[in-house]
C-alpha cells in the first residue's frame, strides 16, 4: 500500500517583493531561511491560475518522483484493484 506522510499546512506571509526589469524577484530572507533555500538551489515555478505563482525546490520533485518510481509496482496493483470495482 502506498503511504504518504502528511505534510504540515503551515502558511506564512513573508512580505512583499518587486519584479525587476529582467523579471527577477528576491525571495525575502525569512522565507529563504524557513524553506532552507541555499545559494544556487534550483526551483521550479508553477502558474497556479488567478495570477498566482508557486515555487518548489527541484530536489522535492526529484524525491517525489523517486518515491513513485520505487513504488510503481504497488501503485499499479492498487489501480488494477480500483478498476475492477
N, C-alpha and C. Protein backbone atom coordinates (compact mmCIF):
# COMPACT_ATOMS: atom_id res chain seq x y z
N UNK A 1 0.84 -1.17 0.00
CA UNK A 1 0.00 0.00 0.00
C UNK A 1 0.88 1.24 0.00
N UNK A 2 0.52 2.22 -0.78
CA UNK A 2 1.26 3.47 -0.87
C UNK A 2 0.91 4.35 0.32
N UNK A 3 1.92 4.73 1.06
CA UNK A 3 1.71 5.59 2.22
C UNK A 3 2.47 6.90 1.98
N UNK A 4 1.78 7.99 2.13
CA UNK A 4 2.41 9.29 2.02
C UNK A 4 2.28 9.99 3.36
N UNK A 5 3.40 10.44 3.88
CA UNK A 5 3.39 11.13 5.17
C UNK A 5 2.68 12.46 5.02
N UNK A 6 1.84 12.82 5.98
CA UNK A 6 1.17 14.12 5.90
C UNK A 6 2.19 15.25 6.06
N UNK A 7 1.94 16.32 5.36
CA UNK A 7 2.80 17.49 5.44
C UNK A 7 2.05 18.58 6.19
N UNK A 8 2.76 19.30 7.00
CA UNK A 8 2.10 20.37 7.72
C UNK A 8 1.63 21.43 6.73
N UNK A 9 0.53 22.04 7.03
CA UNK A 9 -0.03 23.06 6.15
C UNK A 9 0.22 24.45 6.73
N UNK A 10 1.39 24.60 7.32
CA UNK A 10 1.75 25.88 7.90
C UNK A 10 1.81 26.92 6.79
N UNK A 11 1.09 28.01 6.98
CA UNK A 11 1.07 29.08 5.99
C UNK A 11 1.67 30.32 6.62
N UNK A 12 2.54 30.95 5.89
CA UNK A 12 3.22 32.13 6.39
C UNK A 12 3.15 33.24 5.34
N UNK A 13 3.19 34.46 5.80
CA UNK A 13 3.34 35.61 4.92
C UNK A 13 4.71 36.19 5.22
N UNK A 14 5.56 36.26 4.21
CA UNK A 14 6.93 36.69 4.41
C UNK A 14 7.21 38.11 3.93
N UNK A 15 6.23 38.80 3.44
CA UNK A 15 6.45 40.17 2.99
C UNK A 15 6.15 40.32 1.51
N UNK A 16 6.66 41.38 0.93
CA UNK A 16 6.42 41.68 -0.47
C UNK A 16 7.75 41.77 -1.21
N UNK A 17 7.70 41.60 -2.51
CA UNK A 17 8.87 41.74 -3.36
C UNK A 17 8.44 42.44 -4.64
N UNK A 18 9.40 42.90 -5.40
CA UNK A 18 9.13 43.63 -6.64
C UNK A 18 9.76 42.88 -7.81
N UNK A 19 9.05 42.82 -8.91
CA UNK A 19 9.60 42.20 -10.12
C UNK A 19 10.54 43.21 -10.77
N UNK A 20 11.78 42.81 -11.00
CA UNK A 20 12.77 43.69 -11.61
C UNK A 20 12.62 43.75 -13.12
N UNK A 21 13.42 44.56 -13.74
CA UNK A 21 13.37 44.76 -15.19
C UNK A 21 13.61 43.46 -15.97
N UNK A 22 14.39 42.55 -15.42
CA UNK A 22 14.68 41.27 -16.07
C UNK A 22 13.75 40.16 -15.61
N UNK A 23 12.69 40.52 -14.88
CA UNK A 23 11.74 39.52 -14.40
C UNK A 23 12.18 38.82 -13.14
N UNK A 24 13.22 39.29 -12.51
CA UNK A 24 13.73 38.66 -11.29
C UNK A 24 13.00 39.16 -10.07
N UNK A 25 12.86 38.27 -9.09
CA UNK A 25 12.30 38.65 -7.79
C UNK A 25 13.25 38.18 -6.70
N UNK A 26 13.22 38.87 -5.59
CA UNK A 26 14.02 38.49 -4.44
C UNK A 26 13.10 37.79 -3.46
N UNK A 27 13.48 36.59 -3.05
CA UNK A 27 12.72 35.87 -2.03
C UNK A 27 13.18 36.41 -0.68
N UNK A 28 12.27 36.92 0.14
CA UNK A 28 12.67 37.50 1.43
C UNK A 28 13.53 36.54 2.26
N UNK A 29 14.50 37.10 2.97
CA UNK A 29 15.45 36.31 3.76
C UNK A 29 14.73 35.37 4.73
N UNK A 30 13.68 35.83 5.38
CA UNK A 30 12.95 34.98 6.33
C UNK A 30 12.35 33.76 5.63
N UNK A 31 11.85 33.94 4.41
CA UNK A 31 11.28 32.83 3.65
C UNK A 31 12.39 31.86 3.23
N UNK A 32 13.54 32.40 2.79
CA UNK A 32 14.66 31.53 2.41
C UNK A 32 15.13 30.70 3.59
N UNK A 33 15.18 31.32 4.75
CA UNK A 33 15.61 30.61 5.96
C UNK A 33 14.59 29.53 6.33
N UNK A 34 13.30 29.87 6.31
CA UNK A 34 12.26 28.91 6.68
C UNK A 34 12.22 27.72 5.73
N UNK A 35 12.51 27.97 4.46
CA UNK A 35 12.47 26.90 3.44
C UNK A 35 13.83 26.25 3.24
N UNK A 36 14.84 26.71 3.99
CA UNK A 36 16.20 26.20 3.91
C UNK A 36 16.73 26.28 2.47
N UNK A 37 16.51 27.42 1.82
CA UNK A 37 17.00 27.63 0.46
C UNK A 37 18.45 28.07 0.50
N UNK A 38 19.27 27.43 -0.32
CA UNK A 38 20.69 27.74 -0.39
C UNK A 38 21.00 28.46 -1.70
N UNK A 39 22.11 29.21 -1.72
CA UNK A 39 22.54 29.88 -2.93
C UNK A 39 22.68 28.88 -4.07
N UNK A 40 22.15 29.22 -5.23
CA UNK A 40 22.28 28.37 -6.41
C UNK A 40 21.29 27.23 -6.49
N UNK A 41 20.44 27.05 -5.48
CA UNK A 41 19.48 25.95 -5.48
C UNK A 41 18.43 26.16 -6.58
N UNK A 42 18.11 25.10 -7.29
CA UNK A 42 17.14 25.16 -8.38
C UNK A 42 15.72 25.11 -7.84
N UNK A 43 14.87 25.96 -8.38
CA UNK A 43 13.46 25.99 -8.03
C UNK A 43 12.63 25.79 -9.29
N UNK A 44 11.51 25.13 -9.15
CA UNK A 44 10.55 25.04 -10.24
C UNK A 44 9.48 26.09 -9.99
N UNK A 45 8.96 26.66 -11.07
CA UNK A 45 7.96 27.73 -10.97
C UNK A 45 6.69 27.25 -11.65
N UNK A 46 5.59 27.30 -10.91
CA UNK A 46 4.30 26.85 -11.43
C UNK A 46 3.31 28.00 -11.43
N UNK A 47 2.52 28.11 -12.50
CA UNK A 47 1.40 29.04 -12.53
C UNK A 47 0.22 28.35 -11.87
N UNK A 48 -0.40 29.01 -10.92
CA UNK A 48 -1.48 28.40 -10.16
C UNK A 48 -2.85 28.96 -10.54
N UNK A 49 -2.93 29.67 -11.65
CA UNK A 49 -4.20 30.28 -12.04
C UNK A 49 -4.44 31.53 -11.22
N UNK A 50 -5.38 32.32 -11.65
CA UNK A 50 -5.73 33.56 -10.92
C UNK A 50 -4.50 34.41 -10.62
N UNK A 51 -3.56 34.45 -11.55
CA UNK A 51 -2.34 35.26 -11.40
C UNK A 51 -1.51 34.87 -10.18
N UNK A 52 -1.48 33.58 -9.86
CA UNK A 52 -0.68 33.10 -8.73
C UNK A 52 0.50 32.29 -9.24
N UNK A 53 1.63 32.40 -8.56
CA UNK A 53 2.84 31.64 -8.89
C UNK A 53 3.28 30.89 -7.64
N UNK A 54 3.71 29.64 -7.82
CA UNK A 54 4.23 28.85 -6.71
C UNK A 54 5.63 28.35 -7.07
N UNK A 55 6.50 28.35 -6.09
CA UNK A 55 7.86 27.83 -6.24
C UNK A 55 7.99 26.57 -5.41
N UNK A 56 8.76 25.62 -5.91
CA UNK A 56 9.12 24.44 -5.11
C UNK A 56 10.55 24.05 -5.45
N UNK A 57 11.22 23.46 -4.49
CA UNK A 57 12.59 23.01 -4.73
C UNK A 57 12.58 21.86 -5.73
N UNK A 58 13.50 21.90 -6.68
CA UNK A 58 13.66 20.81 -7.63
C UNK A 58 13.93 19.51 -6.88
N UNK A 59 14.69 19.59 -5.80
CA UNK A 59 15.02 18.40 -5.02
C UNK A 59 13.76 17.72 -4.49
N UNK A 60 12.73 18.51 -4.12
CA UNK A 60 11.49 17.92 -3.62
C UNK A 60 10.79 17.11 -4.71
N UNK A 61 10.77 17.64 -5.92
CA UNK A 61 10.13 16.94 -7.04
C UNK A 61 10.91 15.67 -7.36
N UNK A 62 12.23 15.75 -7.32
CA UNK A 62 13.06 14.58 -7.58
C UNK A 62 12.82 13.48 -6.54
N UNK A 63 12.68 13.86 -5.26
CA UNK A 63 12.39 12.89 -4.19
C UNK A 63 11.03 12.24 -4.42
N UNK A 64 10.05 13.05 -4.79
CA UNK A 64 8.70 12.53 -5.03
C UNK A 64 8.71 11.56 -6.22
N UNK A 65 9.41 11.93 -7.28
CA UNK A 65 9.49 11.06 -8.47
C UNK A 65 10.18 9.74 -8.12
N UNK A 66 11.23 9.82 -7.33
CA UNK A 66 11.93 8.60 -6.91
C UNK A 66 11.03 7.73 -6.06
N UNK A 67 10.25 8.35 -5.18
CA UNK A 67 9.30 7.62 -4.34
C UNK A 67 8.28 6.90 -5.22
N UNK A 68 7.73 7.61 -6.19
CA UNK A 68 6.75 6.99 -7.10
C UNK A 68 7.38 5.85 -7.89
N UNK A 69 8.57 6.07 -8.41
CA UNK A 69 9.25 5.03 -9.20
C UNK A 69 9.50 3.80 -8.34
N UNK A 70 9.90 4.00 -7.09
CA UNK A 70 10.17 2.89 -6.20
C UNK A 70 8.93 2.11 -5.82
N UNK A 71 7.78 2.74 -5.92
CA UNK A 71 6.52 2.11 -5.54
C UNK A 71 5.60 1.84 -6.73
N UNK A 72 6.13 1.92 -7.94
CA UNK A 72 5.32 1.79 -9.14
C UNK A 72 4.56 0.47 -9.19
N UNK A 73 5.20 -0.61 -8.79
CA UNK A 73 4.53 -1.92 -8.79
C UNK A 73 3.30 -1.89 -7.87
N UNK A 74 3.46 -1.34 -6.67
CA UNK A 74 2.34 -1.24 -5.72
C UNK A 74 1.24 -0.32 -6.24
N UNK A 75 1.65 0.78 -6.85
CA UNK A 75 0.68 1.74 -7.39
C UNK A 75 -0.15 1.09 -8.48
N UNK A 76 0.50 0.34 -9.38
CA UNK A 76 -0.22 -0.34 -10.46
C UNK A 76 -1.19 -1.37 -9.90
N UNK A 77 -0.78 -2.07 -8.85
CA UNK A 77 -1.64 -3.07 -8.22
C UNK A 77 -2.89 -2.41 -7.65
N UNK A 78 -2.72 -1.30 -6.97
CA UNK A 78 -3.86 -0.58 -6.40
C UNK A 78 -4.79 -0.08 -7.51
N UNK A 79 -4.21 0.44 -8.59
CA UNK A 79 -5.02 0.93 -9.70
C UNK A 79 -5.83 -0.19 -10.35
N UNK A 80 -5.23 -1.36 -10.50
CA UNK A 80 -5.94 -2.50 -11.08
C UNK A 80 -7.12 -2.90 -10.20
N UNK A 81 -6.90 -2.88 -8.90
CA UNK A 81 -7.99 -3.24 -7.97
C UNK A 81 -9.14 -2.24 -8.06
N UNK A 82 -8.83 -0.96 -8.21
CA UNK A 82 -9.89 0.05 -8.29
C UNK A 82 -10.61 -0.03 -9.64
N UNK A 83 -9.94 -0.47 -10.69
CA UNK A 83 -10.58 -0.61 -12.00
C UNK A 83 -11.61 -1.73 -12.00
N UNK A 84 -11.36 -2.75 -11.20
CA UNK A 84 -12.28 -3.90 -11.12
C UNK A 84 -13.54 -3.58 -10.35
N UNK A 85 -13.46 -2.58 -9.50
CA UNK A 85 -14.61 -2.25 -8.65
C UNK A 85 -15.73 -1.59 -9.42
